[in-house]
Amino acid sequence: MGKSYSWNNVYGEITVDFENSSFEQNVLDYLVSLAKKNDLTVSEDGLLYSPVTIGFLSSGHYDPGKYYGPWEDSYPEEESDEREMESVSIWIDDKEIDIGDKKIAEIIFSQHSEQIQEVELEF
């Protein structure tokens, strides 16, 4: 039988293609202005080829359950894994730019929440 274990604030990261994302106009406008602030020229179409890196922290636990012995002492497998945004950045012209606006970063994070949950972490 496996053992129970828990983890706290384990860092994980995923890079997604911006072209597979559909964002509201305010997000696109913010990203274009962010590029300009960093002396980079990019259009909305140019953003389509910019990868986005999302960093997150994972905390949770795993219990393999108990399926032997008296039935009243048995219980099923239990697992939880909460992932919170740590950072969001976009790569433009080989330069990583941090998304400084928390609201915009949260929009990007939430749009990719399913992909973030699928990332396997190494402990």
PDB file of N, CA and C in Angstrom:
ATOM      1  N   MET A   1       0.831  -1.190   0.000  1.00  0.00           N
ATOM      2  CA  MET A   1       0.000   0.000   0.000  1.00  0.00           C
ATOM      3  C   MET A   1       0.874   1.251   0.000  1.00  0.00           C
ATOM      4  N   GLY A   2       0.449   2.264  -0.724  1.00  0.00           N
ATOM      5  CA  GLY A   2       1.171   3.537  -0.768  1.00  0.00           C
ATOM      6  C   GLY A   2       0.938   4.339   0.489  1.00  0.00           C
ATOM      7  N   LYS A   3       1.758   5.330   0.675  1.00  0.00           N
ATOM      8  CA  LYS A   3       1.634   6.183   1.853  1.00  0.00           C
ATOM      9  C   LYS A   3       0.962   7.491   1.489  1.00  0.00           C
ATOM     10  N   SER A   4       0.380   8.111   2.478  1.00  0.00           N
ATOM     11  CA  SER A   4      -0.182   9.442   2.313  1.00  0.00           C
ATOM     12  C   SER A   4       0.949  10.455   2.274  1.00  0.00           C
ATOM     13  N   TYR A   5       0.758  11.527   1.553  1.00  0.00           N
ATOM     14  CA  TYR A   5       1.738  12.596   1.548  1.00  0.00           C
ATOM     15  C   TYR A   5       1.052  13.907   1.204  1.00  0.00           C
ATOM     16  N   SER A   6       1.713  14.985   1.537  1.00  0.00           N
ATOM     17  CA  SER A   6       1.186  16.311   1.207  1.00  0.00           C
ATOM     18  C   SER A   6       2.335  17.175   0.713  1.00  0.00           C
ATOM     19  N   TRP A   7       1.997  18.258   0.056  1.00  0.00           N
ATOM     20  CA  TRP A   7       2.991  19.189  -0.459  1.00  0.00           C
ATOM     21  C   TRP A   7       2.448  20.606  -0.326  1.00  0.00           C
ATOM     22  N   ASN A   8       3.378  21.533  -0.294  1.00  0.00           N
ATOM     23  CA  ASN A   8       2.993  22.928  -0.101  1.00  0.00           C
ATOM     24  C   ASN A   8       3.886  23.830  -0.950  1.00  0.00           C
ATOM     25  N   ASN A   9       3.277  24.677  -1.754  1.00  0.00           N
ATOM     26  CA  ASN A   9       3.978  25.665  -2.578  1.00  0.00           C
ATOM     27  C   ASN A   9       5.059  25.061  -3.478  1.00  0.00           C
ATOM     28  N   VAL A  10       4.718  23.997  -4.174  1.00  0.00           N
ATOM     29  CA  VAL A  10       5.626  23.407  -5.152  1.00  0.00           C
ATOM     30  C   VAL A  10       5.436  24.168  -6.466  1.00  0.00           C
ATOM     31  N   TYR A  11       6.548  24.665  -7.016  1.00  0.00           N
ATOM     32  CA  TYR A  11       6.473  25.483  -8.222  1.00  0.00           C
ATOM     33  C   TYR A  11       6.300  24.622  -9.461  1.00  0.00           C
ATOM     34  N   GLY A  12       5.434  25.082 -10.332  1.00  0.00           N
ATOM     35  CA  GLY A  12       5.242  24.456 -11.631  1.00  0.00           C
ATOM     36  C   GLY A  12       5.125  25.537 -12.685  1.00  0.00           C
ATOM     37  N   GLU A  13       5.278  25.144 -13.938  1.00  0.00           N
ATOM     38  CA  GLU A  13       5.263  26.131 -15.009  1.00  0.00           C
ATOM     39  C   GLU A  13       4.741  25.485 -16.283  1.00  0.00           C
ATOM     40  N   ILE A  14       4.050  26.281 -17.066  1.00  0.00           N
ATOM     41  CA  ILE A  14       3.561  25.819 -18.357  1.00  0.00           C
ATOM     42  C   ILE A  14       3.731  26.965 -19.343  1.00  0.00           C
ATOM     43  N   THR A  15       4.099  26.617 -20.563  1.00  0.00           N
ATOM     44  CA  THR A  15       4.176  27.613 -21.631  1.00  0.00           C
ATOM     45  C   THR A  15       3.136  27.248 -22.666  1.00  0.00           C
ATOM     46  N   VAL A  16       2.308  28.220 -23.005  1.00  0.00           N
ATOM     47  CA  VAL A  16       1.221  28.001 -23.952  1.00  0.00           C
ATOM     48  C   VAL A  16       1.392  28.945 -25.132  1.00  0.00           C
ATOM     49  N   ASP A  17       0.860  28.535 -26.260  1.00  0.00           N
ATOM     50  CA  ASP A  17       0.881  29.393 -27.438  1.00  0.00           C
ATOM     51  C   ASP A  17      -0.230  30.408 -27.340  1.00  0.00           C
ATOM     52  N   PHE A  18       0.124  31.645 -27.522  1.00  0.00           N
ATOM     53  CA  PHE A  18      -0.860  32.717 -27.460  1.00  0.00           C
ATOM     54  C   PHE A  18      -1.929  32.529 -28.529  1.00  0.00           C
ATOM     55  N   GLU A  19      -1.551  31.940 -29.665  1.00  0.00           N
ATOM     56  CA  GLU A  19      -2.496  31.796 -30.772  1.00  0.00           C
ATOM     57  C   GLU A  19      -3.663  30.883 -30.419  1.00  0.00           C
ATOM     58  N   ASN A  20      -3.501  30.040 -29.428  1.00  0.00           N
ATOM     59  CA  ASN A  20      -4.581  29.146 -29.018  1.00  0.00           C
ATOM     60  C   ASN A  20      -5.478  29.776 -27.958  1.00  0.00           C
ATOM     61  N   SER A  21      -5.277  31.053 -27.708  1.00  0.00           N
ATOM     62  CA  SER A  21      -6.041  31.760 -26.688  1.00  0.00           C
ATOM     63  C   SER A  21      -6.935  32.797 -27.351  1.00  0.00           C
ATOM     64  N   SER A  22      -8.054  33.032 -26.743  1.00  0.00           N
ATOM     65  CA  SER A  22      -8.912  34.109 -27.239  1.00  0.00           C
ATOM     66  C   SER A  22      -9.167  35.041 -26.057  1.00  0.00           C
ATOM     67  N   PHE A  23      -8.630  36.241 -26.170  1.00  0.00           N
ATOM     68  CA  PHE A  23      -8.742  37.205 -25.088  1.00  0.00           C
ATOM     69  C   PHE A  23      -9.593  38.387 -25.509  1.00  0.00           C
ATOM     70  N   GLU A  24     -10.143  39.045 -24.513  1.00  0.00           N
ATOM     71  CA  GLU A  24     -10.907  40.254 -24.773  1.00  0.00           C
ATOM     72  C   GLU A  24      -9.963  41.341 -25.264  1.00  0.00           C
ATOM     73  N   GLN A  25     -10.532  42.343 -25.910  1.00  0.00           N
ATOM     74  CA  GLN A  25      -9.743  43.413 -26.502  1.00  0.00           C
ATOM     75  C   GLN A  25      -8.871  44.134 -25.469  1.00  0.00           C
ATOM     76  N   ASN A  26      -9.381  44.306 -24.238  1.00  0.00           N
ATOM     77  CA  ASN A  26      -8.586  45.016 -23.224  1.00  0.00           C
ATOM     78  C   ASN A  26      -7.294  44.273 -22.877  1.00  0.00           C
ATOM     79  N   VAL A  27      -7.314  42.946 -22.946  1.00  0.00           N
ATOM     80  CA  VAL A  27      -6.104  42.164 -22.682  1.00  0.00           C
ATOM     81  C   VAL A  27      -5.108  42.376 -23.817  1.00  0.00           C
ATOM     82  N   LEU A  28      -5.593  42.309 -25.050  1.00  0.00           N
ATOM     83  CA  LEU A  28      -4.721  42.521 -26.206  1.00  0.00           C
ATOM     84  C   LEU A  28      -4.123  43.924 -26.191  1.00  0.00           C
ATOM     85  N   ASP A  29      -4.955  44.917 -25.894  1.00  0.00           N
ATOM     86  CA  ASP A  29      -4.470  46.305 -25.827  1.00  0.00           C
ATOM     87  C   ASP A  29      -3.382  46.440 -24.763  1.00  0.00           C
ATOM     88  N   TYR A  30      -3.595  45.825 -23.615  1.00  0.00           N
ATOM     89  CA  TYR A  30      -2.607  45.902 -22.536  1.00  0.00           C
ATOM     90  C   TYR A  30      -1.280  45.281 -22.977  1.00  0.00           C
ATOM     91  N   LEU A  31      -1.334  44.121 -23.621  1.00  0.00           N
ATOM     92  CA  LEU A  31      -0.114  43.432 -24.027  1.00  0.00           C
ATOM     93  C   LEU A  31       0.650  44.214 -25.093  1.00  0.00           C
ATOM     94  N   VAL A  32      -0.065  44.850 -26.023  1.00  0.00           N
ATOM     95  CA  VAL A  32       0.596  45.681 -27.034  1.00  0.00           C
ATOM     96  C   VAL A  32       1.266  46.873 -26.355  1.00  0.00           C
ATOM     97  N   SER A  33       0.571  47.500 -25.390  1.00  0.00           N
ATOM     98  CA  SER A  33       1.169  48.651 -24.689  1.00  0.00           C
ATOM     99  C   SER A  33       2.361  48.211 -23.835  1.00  0.00           C
ATOM    100  N   LEU A  34       2.294  47.022 -23.260  1.00  0.00           N
ATOM    101  CA  LEU A  34       3.402  46.489 -22.469  1.00  0.00           C
ATOM    102  C   LEU A  34       4.638  46.294 -23.347  1.00  0.00           C
ATOM    103  N   ALA A  35       4.417  45.790 -24.544  1.00  0.00           N
ATOM    104  CA  ALA A  35       5.534  45.611 -25.480  1.00  0.00           C
ATOM    105  C   ALA A  35       6.159  46.963 -25.816  1.00  0.00           C
ATOM    106  N   LYS A  36       5.327  47.958 -26.058  1.00  0.00           N
ATOM    107  CA  LYS A  36       5.836  49.297 -26.392  1.00  0.00           C
ATOM    108  C   LYS A  36       6.632  49.885 -25.230  1.00  0.00           C
ATOM    109  N   LYS A  37       6.178  49.666 -24.014  1.00  0.00           N
ATOM    110  CA  LYS A  37       6.904  50.165 -22.838  1.00  0.00           C
ATOM    111  C   LYS A  37       8.288  49.536 -22.730  1.00  0.00           C
ATOM    112  N   ASN A  38       8.436  48.360 -23.297  1.00  0.00           N
ATOM    113  CA  ASN A  38       9.719  47.657 -23.277  1.00  0.00           C
ATOM    114  C   ASN A  38      10.482  47.853 -24.594  1.00  0.00           C
ATOM    115  N   ASP A  39      10.132  48.910 -25.308  1.00  0.00           N
ATOM    116  CA  ASP A  39      10.790  49.254 -26.573  1.00  0.00           C
ATOM    117  C   ASP A  39      10.712  48.151 -27.618  1.00  0.00           C
ATOM    118  N   LEU A  40       9.608  47.429 -27.620  1.00  0.00           N
ATOM    119  CA  LEU A  40       9.386  46.397 -28.615  1.00  0.00           C
ATOM    120  C   LEU A  40       8.178  46.793 -29.454  1.00  0.00           C
ATOM    121  N   THR A  41       8.236  46.511 -30.714  1.00  0.00           N
ATOM    122  CA  THR A  41       7.124  46.819 -31.600  1.00  0.00           C
ATOM    123  C   THR A  41       6.401  45.526 -31.917  1.00  0.00           C
ATOM    124  N   VAL A  42       5.137  45.501 -31.611  1.00  0.00           N
ATOM    125  CA  VAL A  42       4.348  44.303 -31.892  1.00  0.00           C
ATOM    126  C   VAL A  42       2.903  44.726 -32.139  1.00  0.00           C
ATOM    127  N   SER A  43       2.272  44.071 -33.076  1.00  0.00           N
ATOM    128  CA  SER A  43       0.861  44.310 -33.348  1.00  0.00           C
ATOM    129  C   SER A  43       0.052  43.208 -32.683  1.00  0.00           C
ATOM    130  N   GLU A  44      -1.264  43.356 -32.722  1.00  0.00           N
ATOM    131  CA  GLU A  44      -2.105  42.276 -32.186  1.00  0.00           C
ATOM    132  C   GLU A  44      -1.836  40.978 -32.928  1.00  0.00           C
ATOM    133  N   ASP A  45      -1.658  41.070 -34.248  1.00  0.00           N
ATOM    134  CA  ASP A  45      -1.351  39.871 -35.033  1.00  0.00           C
ATOM    135  C   ASP A  45       0.002  39.296 -34.622  1.00  0.00           C
ATOM    136  N   GLY A  46       0.962  40.168 -34.315  1.00  0.00           N
ATOM    137  CA  GLY A  46       2.274  39.725 -33.882  1.00  0.00           C
ATOM    138  C   GLY A  46       2.233  38.977 -32.563  1.00  0.00           C
ATOM    139  N   LEU A  47       1.255  39.313 -31.706  1.00  0.00           N
ATOM    140  CA  LEU A  47       1.105  38.615 -30.426  1.00  0.00           C
ATOM    141  C   LEU A  47       0.744  37.148 -30.613  1.00  0.00           C
ATOM    142  N   LEU A  48       0.139  36.838 -31.769  1.00  0.00           N
ATOM    143  CA  LEU A  48      -0.299  35.469 -32.014  1.00  0.00           C
ATOM    144  C   LEU A  48       0.857  34.475 -32.011  1.00  0.00           C
ATOM    145  N   TYR A  49       2.063  34.963 -32.200  1.00  0.00           N
ATOM    146  CA  TYR A  49       3.212  34.076 -32.261  1.00  0.00           C
ATOM    147  C   TYR A  49       4.081  34.196 -31.018  1.00  0.00           C
ATOM    148  N   SER A  50       3.514  34.760 -29.967  1.00  0.00           N
ATOM    149  CA  SER A  50       4.259  34.976 -28.727  1.00  0.00           C
ATOM    150  C   SER A  50       3.834  33.960 -27.673  1.00  0.00           C
ATOM    151  N   PRO A  51       4.760  33.131 -27.199  1.00  0.00           N
ATOM    152  CA  PRO A  51       4.402  32.184 -26.140  1.00  0.00           C
ATOM    153  C   PRO A  51       4.196  32.894 -24.799  1.00  0.00           C
ATOM    154  N   VAL A  52       3.326  32.331 -23.996  1.00  0.00           N
ATOM    155  CA  VAL A  52       3.022  32.855 -22.667  1.00  0.00           C
ATOM    156  C   VAL A  52       3.452  31.802 -21.641  1.00  0.00           C
ATOM    157  N   THR A  53       4.240  32.230 -20.652  1.00  0.00           N
ATOM    158  CA  THR A  53       4.681  31.329 -19.593  1.00  0.00           C
ATOM    159  C   THR A  53       3.891  31.638 -18.329  1.00  0.00           C
ATOM    160  N   ILE A  54       3.292  30.613 -17.761  1.00  0.00           N
ATOM    161  CA  ILE A  54       2.478  30.753 -16.555  1.00  0.00           C
ATOM    162  C   ILE A  54       3.131  29.941 -15.448  1.00  0.00           C
ATOM    163  N   GLY A  55       3.551  30.622 -14.394  1.00  0.00           N
ATOM    164  CA  GLY A  55       4.113  29.962 -13.232  1.00  0.00           C
ATOM    165  C   GLY A  55       3.048  29.838 -12.158  1.00  0.00           C
ATOM    166  N   PHE A  56       3.048  28.730 -11.442  1.00  0.00           N
ATOM    167  CA  PHE A  56       2.035  28.522 -10.404  1.00  0.00           C
ATOM    168  C   PHE A  56       2.631  27.767  -9.229  1.00  0.00           C
ATOM    169  N   LEU A  57       1.945  27.863  -8.096  1.00  0.00           N
ATOM    170  CA  LEU A  57       2.321  27.114  -6.897  1.00  0.00           C
ATOM    171  C   LEU A  57       1.219  26.099  -6.616  1.00  0.00           C
ATOM    172  N   SER A  58       1.637  24.885  -6.317  1.00  0.00           N
ATOM    173  CA  SER A  58       0.698  23.809  -6.045  1.00  0.00           C
ATOM    174  C   SER A  58       0.816  23.384  -4.581  1.00  0.00           C
ATOM    175  N   SER A  59      -0.339  23.209  -3.951  1.00  0.00           N
ATOM    176  CA  SER A  59      -0.406  22.685  -2.584  1.00  0.00           C
ATOM    177  C   SER A  59      -1.519  21.643  -2.550  1.00  0.00           C
ATOM    178  N   GLY A  60      -1.287  20.554  -1.835  1.00  0.00           N
ATOM    179  CA  GLY A  60      -2.323  19.540  -1.766  1.00  0.00           C
ATOM    180  C   GLY A  60      -1.909  18.337  -0.956  1.00  0.00           C
ATOM    181  N   HIS A  61      -2.693  17.293  -1.099  1.00  0.00           N
ATOM    182  CA  HIS A  61      -2.383  16.044  -0.402  1.00  0.00           C
ATOM    183  C   HIS A  61      -2.922  14.860  -1.196  1.00  0.00           C
ATOM    184  N   TYR A  62      -2.382  13.681  -0.867  1.00  0.00           N
ATOM    185  CA  TYR A  62      -2.836  12.438  -1.477  1.00  0.00           C
ATOM    186  C   TYR A  62      -2.869  11.359  -0.410  1.00  0.00           C
ATOM    187  N   ASP A  63      -3.964  10.632  -0.378  1.00  0.00           N
ATOM    188  CA  ASP A  63      -4.109   9.488   0.522  1.00  0.00           C
ATOM    189  C   ASP A  63      -4.610   8.336  -0.341  1.00  0.00           C
ATOM    190  N   PRO A  64      -3.879   7.219  -0.393  1.00  0.00           N
ATOM    191  CA  PRO A  64      -4.270   6.116  -1.271  1.00  0.00           C
ATOM    192  C   PRO A  64      -5.525   5.373  -0.814  1.00  0.00           C
ATOM    193  N   GLY A  65      -6.042   5.721   0.335  1.00  0.00           N
ATOM    194  CA  GLY A  65      -7.226   5.038   0.846  1.00  0.00           C
ATOM    195  C   GLY A  65      -6.861   3.744   1.541  1.00  0.00           C
ATOM    196  N   LYS A  66      -7.861   3.117   2.093  1.00  0.00           N
ATOM    197  CA  LYS A  66      -7.664   1.841   2.790  1.00  0.00           C
ATOM    198  C   LYS A  66      -8.779   0.910   2.343  1.00  0.00           C
ATOM    199  N   TYR A  67      -8.391  -0.176   1.704  1.00  0.00           N
ATOM    200  CA  TYR A  67      -9.371  -1.103   1.128  1.00  0.00           C
ATOM    201  C   TYR A  67      -9.290  -2.491   1.757  1.00  0.00           C
ATOM    202  N   TYR A  68      -8.655  -2.610   2.887  1.00  0.00           N
ATOM    203  CA  TYR A  68      -8.494  -3.916   3.532  1.00  0.00           C
ATOM    204  C   TYR A  68      -8.973  -3.803   4.978  1.00  0.00           C
ATOM    205  N   GLY A  69      -9.141  -4.925   5.611  1.00  0.00           N
ATOM    206  CA  GLY A  69      -9.615  -4.932   6.998  1.00  0.00           C
ATOM    207  C   GLY A  69     -11.123  -4.785   7.057  1.00  0.00           C
ATOM    208  N   PRO A  70     -11.640  -4.538   8.244  1.00  0.00           N
ATOM    209  CA  PRO A  70     -13.101  -4.388   8.395  1.00  0.00           C
ATOM    210  C   PRO A  70     -13.618  -3.239   7.522  1.00  0.00           C
ATOM    211  N   TRP A  71     -14.792  -3.432   6.948  1.00  0.00           N
ATOM    212  CA  TRP A  71     -15.329  -2.429   6.026  1.00  0.00           C
ATOM    213  C   TRP A  71     -15.511  -1.080   6.697  1.00  0.00           C
ATOM    214  N   GLU A  72     -15.802  -1.053   8.000  1.00  0.00           N
ATOM    215  CA  GLU A  72     -16.011   0.231   8.685  1.00  0.00           C
ATOM    216  C   GLU A  72     -14.712   1.024   8.846  1.00  0.00           C
ATOM    217  N   ASP A  73     -13.551   0.366   8.657  1.00  0.00           N
ATOM    218  CA  ASP A  73     -12.256   1.053   8.713  1.00  0.00           C
ATOM    219  C   ASP A  73     -11.721   1.408   7.322  1.00  0.00           C
ATOM    220  N   SER A  74     -12.442   0.996   6.292  1.00  0.00           N
ATOM    221  CA  SER A  74     -12.000   1.245   4.921  1.00  0.00           C
ATOM    222  C   SER A  74     -12.488   2.610   4.447  1.00  0.00           C
ATOM    223  N   TYR A  75     -11.723   3.209   3.543  1.00  0.00           N
ATOM    224  CA  TYR A  75     -12.128   4.490   2.947  1.00  0.00           C
ATOM    225  C   TYR A  75     -11.453   4.622   1.583  1.00  0.00           C
ATOM    226  N   PRO A  76     -12.062   5.393   0.692  1.00  0.00           N
ATOM    227  CA  PRO A  76     -11.543   5.493  -0.679  1.00  0.00           C
ATOM    228  C   PRO A  76     -10.337   6.432  -0.775  1.00  0.00           C
ATOM    229  N   GLU A  77      -9.670   6.347  -1.906  1.00  0.00           N
ATOM    230  CA  GLU A  77      -8.563   7.233  -2.234  1.00  0.00           C
ATOM    231  C   GLU A  77      -9.041   8.697  -2.183  1.00  0.00           C
ATOM    232  N   GLU A  78      -8.157   9.570  -1.727  1.00  0.00           N
ATOM    233  CA  GLU A  78      -8.503  10.993  -1.638  1.00  0.00           C
ATOM    234  C   GLU A  78      -7.325  11.828  -2.117  1.00  0.00           C
ATOM    235  N   GLU A  79      -7.638  12.856  -2.909  1.00  0.00           N
ATOM    236  CA  GLU A  79      -6.586  13.700  -3.459  1.00  0.00           C
ATOM    237  C   GLU A  79      -7.103  15.125  -3.633  1.00  0.00           C
ATOM    238  N   SER A  80      -6.235  16.094  -3.357  1.00  0.00           N
ATOM    239  CA  SER A  80      -6.557  17.487  -3.656  1.00  0.00           C
ATOM    240  C   SER A  80      -5.292  18.155  -4.171  1.00  0.00           C
ATOM    241  N   ASP A  81      -5.470  19.114  -5.044  1.00  0.00           N
ATOM    242  CA  ASP A  81      -4.335  19.831  -5.626  1.00  0.00           C
ATOM    243  C   ASP A  81      -4.818  21.214  -6.044  1.00  0.00           C
ATOM    244  N   GLU A  82      -4.490  22.205  -5.239  1.00  0.00           N
ATOM    245  CA  GLU A  82      -4.878  23.578  -5.553  1.00  0.00           C
ATOM    246  C   GLU A  82      -3.697  24.296  -6.163  1.00  0.00           C
ATOM    247  N   ARG A  83      -3.951  24.999  -7.253  1.00  0.00           N
ATOM    248  CA  ARG A  83      -2.884  25.708  -7.954  1.00  0.00           C
ATOM    249  C   ARG A  83      -3.210  27.192  -8.015  1.00  0.00           C
ATOM    250  N   GLU A  84      -2.253  27.976  -7.547  1.00  0.00           N
ATOM    251  CA  GLU A  84      -2.420  29.430  -7.502  1.00  0.00           C
ATOM    252  C   GLU A  84      -1.390  30.093  -8.402  1.00  0.00           C
ATOM    253  N   MET A  85      -1.799  31.188  -9.009  1.00  0.00           N
ATOM    254  CA  MET A  85      -0.917  31.917  -9.911  1.00  0.00           C
ATOM    255  C   MET A  85       0.286  32.480  -9.162  1.00  0.00           C
ATOM    256  N   GLU A  86       1.460  32.276  -9.738  1.00  0.00           N
ATOM    257  CA  GLU A  86       2.685  32.840  -9.196  1.00  0.00           C
ATOM    258  C   GLU A  86       3.200  33.942 -10.122  1.00  0.00           C
ATOM    259  N   SER A  87       3.175  33.678 -11.423  1.00  0.00           N
ATOM    260  CA  SER A  87       3.661  34.665 -12.388  1.00  0.00           C
ATOM    261  C   SER A  87       3.078  34.370 -13.766  1.00  0.00           C
ATOM    262  N   VAL A  88       2.979  35.405 -14.578  1.00  0.00           N
ATOM    263  CA  VAL A  88       2.573  35.257 -15.973  1.00  0.00           C
ATOM    264  C   VAL A  88       3.456  36.194 -16.780  1.00  0.00           C
ATOM    265  N   SER A  89       4.056  35.663 -17.816  1.00  0.00           N
ATOM    266  CA  SER A  89       4.906  36.496 -18.665  1.00  0.00           C
ATOM    267  C   SER A  89       4.690  36.113 -20.129  1.00  0.00           C
ATOM    268  N   ILE A  90       5.013  37.042 -21.002  1.00  0.00           N
ATOM    269  CA  ILE A  90       4.896  36.810 -22.437  1.00  0.00           C
ATOM    270  C   ILE A  90       6.263  37.016 -23.059  1.00  0.00           C
ATOM    271  N   TRP A  91       6.557  36.215 -24.062  1.00  0.00           N
ATOM    272  CA  TRP A  91       7.839  36.298 -24.771  1.00  0.00           C
ATOM    273  C   TRP A  91       7.613  37.042 -26.079  1.00  0.00           C
ATOM    274  N   ILE A  92       8.275  38.174 -26.239  1.00  0.00           N
ATOM    275  CA  ILE A  92       8.201  38.942 -27.476  1.00  0.00           C
ATOM    276  C   ILE A  92       9.632  39.209 -27.930  1.00  0.00           C
ATOM    277  N   ASP A  93       9.936  38.849 -29.167  1.00  0.00           N
ATOM    278  CA  ASP A  93      11.287  39.022 -29.721  1.00  0.00           C
ATOM    279  C   ASP A  93      12.355  38.457 -28.789  1.00  0.00           C
ATOM    280  N   ASP A  94      12.142  37.242 -28.296  1.00  0.00           N
ATOM    281  CA  ASP A  94      13.087  36.553 -27.404  1.00  0.00           C
ATOM    282  C   ASP A  94      13.333  37.279 -26.088  1.00  0.00           C
ATOM    283  N   LYS A  95      12.409  38.140 -25.704  1.00  0.00           N
ATOM    284  CA  LYS A  95      12.527  38.844 -24.426  1.00  0.00           C
ATOM    285  C   LYS A  95      11.309  38.491 -23.573  1.00  0.00           C
ATOM    286  N   GLU A  96      11.578  38.039 -22.342  1.00  0.00           N
ATOM    287  CA  GLU A  96      10.484  37.699 -21.426  1.00  0.00           C
ATOM    288  C   GLU A  96      10.029  38.958 -20.708  1.00  0.00           C
ATOM    289  N   ILE A  97       8.716  39.232 -20.789  1.00  0.00           N
ATOM    290  CA  ILE A  97       8.148  40.427 -20.168  1.00  0.00           C
ATOM    291  C   ILE A  97       7.084  39.996 -19.168  1.00  0.00           C
ATOM    292  N   ASP A  98       7.274  40.385 -17.924  1.00  0.00           N
ATOM    293  CA  ASP A  98       6.325  40.049 -16.865  1.00  0.00           C
ATOM    294  C   ASP A  98       5.018  40.813 -17.078  1.00  0.00           C
ATOM    295  N   ILE A  99       3.909  40.108 -16.914  1.00  0.00           N
ATOM    296  CA  ILE A  99       2.599  40.759 -16.981  1.00  0.00           C
ATOM    297  C   ILE A  99       2.375  41.410 -15.622  1.00  0.00           C
ATOM    298  N   GLY A 100       2.595  42.699 -15.552  1.00  0.00           N
ATOM    299  CA  GLY A 100       2.545  43.406 -14.275  1.00  0.00           C
ATOM    300  C   GLY A 100       1.149  43.649 -13.742  1.00  0.00           C
ATOM    301  N   ASP A 101       0.160  43.671 -14.605  1.00  0.00           N
ATOM    302  CA  ASP A 101      -1.223  43.939 -14.192  1.00  0.00           C
ATOM    303  C   ASP A 101      -1.841  42.632 -13.684  1.00  0.00           C
ATOM    304  N   LYS A 102      -2.130  42.587 -12.385  1.00  0.00           N
ATOM    305  CA  LYS A 102      -2.623  41.348 -11.770  1.00  0.00           C
ATOM    306  C   LYS A 102      -3.946  40.889 -12.387  1.00  0.00           C
ATOM    307  N   LYS A 103      -4.818  41.818 -12.713  1.00  0.00           N
ATOM    308  CA  LYS A 103      -6.115  41.454 -13.295  1.00  0.00           C
ATOM    309  C   LYS A 103      -5.929  40.789 -14.657  1.00  0.00           C
ATOM    310  N   ILE A 104      -5.041  41.336 -15.474  1.00  0.00           N
ATOM    311  CA  ILE A 104      -4.762  40.753 -16.786  1.00  0.00           C
ATOM    312  C   ILE A 104      -4.112  39.373 -16.613  1.00  0.00           C
ATOM    313  N   ALA A 105      -3.158  39.272 -15.689  1.00  0.00           N
ATOM    314  CA  ALA A 105      -2.490  37.994 -15.431  1.00  0.00           C
ATOM    315  C   ALA A 105      -3.505  36.941 -14.976  1.00  0.00           C
ATOM    316  N   GLU A 106      -4.455  37.331 -14.138  1.00  0.00           N
ATOM    317  CA  GLU A 106      -5.471  36.383 -13.665  1.00  0.00           C
ATOM    318  C   GLU A 106      -6.387  35.922 -14.788  1.00  0.00           C
ATOM    319  N   ILE A 107      -6.677  36.812 -15.736  1.00  0.00           N
ATOM    320  CA  ILE A 107      -7.495  36.424 -16.895  1.00  0.00           C
ATOM    321  C   ILE A 107      -6.761  35.347 -17.691  1.00  0.00           C
ATOM    322  N   ILE A 108      -5.469  35.572 -17.945  1.00  0.00           N
ATOM    323  CA  ILE A 108      -4.670  34.608 -18.696  1.00  0.00           C
ATOM    324  C   ILE A 108      -4.565  33.290 -17.926  1.00  0.00           C
ATOM    325  N   PHE A 109      -4.313  33.382 -16.613  1.00  0.00           N
ATOM    326  CA  PHE A 109      -4.206  32.188 -15.764  1.00  0.00           C
ATOM    327  C   PHE A 109      -5.511  31.387 -15.802  1.00  0.00           C
ATOM    328  N   SER A 110      -6.633  32.045 -15.618  1.00  0.00           N
ATOM    329  CA  SER A 110      -7.910  31.324 -15.558  1.00  0.00           C
ATOM    330  C   SER A 110      -8.279  30.725 -16.908  1.00  0.00           C
ATOM    331  N   GLN A 111      -7.888  31.386 -18.001  1.00  0.00           N
ATOM    332  CA  GLN A 111      -8.210  30.843 -19.322  1.00  0.00           C
ATOM    333  C   GLN A 111      -7.471  29.529 -19.576  1.00  0.00           C
ATOM    334  N   HIS A 112      -6.366  29.328 -18.905  1.00  0.00           N
ATOM    335  CA  HIS A 112      -5.572  28.112 -19.112  1.00  0.00           C
ATOM    336  C   HIS A 112      -5.605  27.183 -17.902  1.00  0.00           C
ATOM    337  N   SER A 113      -6.617  27.316 -17.064  1.00  0.00           N
ATOM    338  CA  SER A 113      -6.675  26.540 -15.819  1.00  0.00           C
ATOM    339  C   SER A 113      -6.703  25.030 -16.057  1.00  0.00           C
ATOM    340  N   GLU A 114      -7.384  24.574 -17.093  1.00  0.00           N
ATOM    341  CA  GLU A 114      -7.415  23.131 -17.362  1.00  0.00           C
ATOM    342  C   GLU A 114      -6.029  22.609 -17.709  1.00  0.00           C
ATOM    343  N   GLN A 115      -5.297  23.348 -18.551  1.00  0.00           N
ATOM    344  CA  GLN A 115      -3.944  22.936 -18.916  1.00  0.00           C
ATOM    345  C   GLN A 115      -3.022  22.971 -17.699  1.00  0.00           C
ATOM    346  N   ILE A 116      -3.196  23.952 -16.838  1.00  0.00           N
ATOM    347  CA  ILE A 116      -2.374  24.083 -15.636  1.00  0.00           C
ATOM    348  C   ILE A 116      -2.609  22.888 -14.713  1.00  0.00           C
ATOM    349  N   GLN A 117      -3.858  22.458 -14.568  1.00  0.00           N
ATOM    350  CA  GLN A 117      -4.175  21.311 -13.707  1.00  0.00           C
ATOM    351  C   GLN A 117      -3.576  20.018 -14.255  1.00  0.00           C
ATOM    352  N   GLU A 118      -3.360  19.953 -15.554  1.00  0.00           N
ATOM    353  CA  GLU A 118      -2.829  18.727 -16.174  1.00  0.00           C
ATOM    354  C   GLU A 118      -1.318  18.592 -16.019  1.00  0.00           C
ATOM    355  N   VAL A 119      -0.623  19.660 -15.611  1.00  0.00           N
ATOM    356  CA  VAL A 119       0.834  19.614 -15.485  1.00  0.00           C
ATOM    357  C   VAL A 119       1.202  18.685 -14.326  1.00  0.00           C
ATOM    358  N   GLU A 120       2.033  17.697 -14.624  1.00  0.00           N
ATOM    359  CA  GLU A 120       2.489  16.789 -13.578  1.00  0.00           C
ATOM    360  C   GLU A 120       3.718  17.396 -12.912  1.00  0.00           C
ATOM    361  N   LEU A 121       3.691  17.425 -11.596  1.00  0.00           N
ATOM    362  CA  LEU A 121       4.789  17.995 -10.822  1.00  0.00           C
ATOM    363  C   LEU A 121       5.699  16.893 -10.310  1.00  0.00           C
ATOM    364  N   GLU A 122       6.952  17.225 -10.168  1.00  0.00           N
ATOM    365  CA  GLU A 122       7.914  16.283  -9.599  1.00  0.00           C
ATOM    366  C   GLU A 122       8.253  16.729  -8.188  1.00  0.00           C
ATOM    367  N   PHE A 123       8.172  15.792  -7.268  1.00  0.00           N
ATOM    368  CA  PHE A 123       8.463  16.103  -5.868  1.00  0.00           C
ATOM    369  C   PHE A 123       9.800  15.507  -5.478  1.00  0.00           C
TER     370      PHE A 123
END
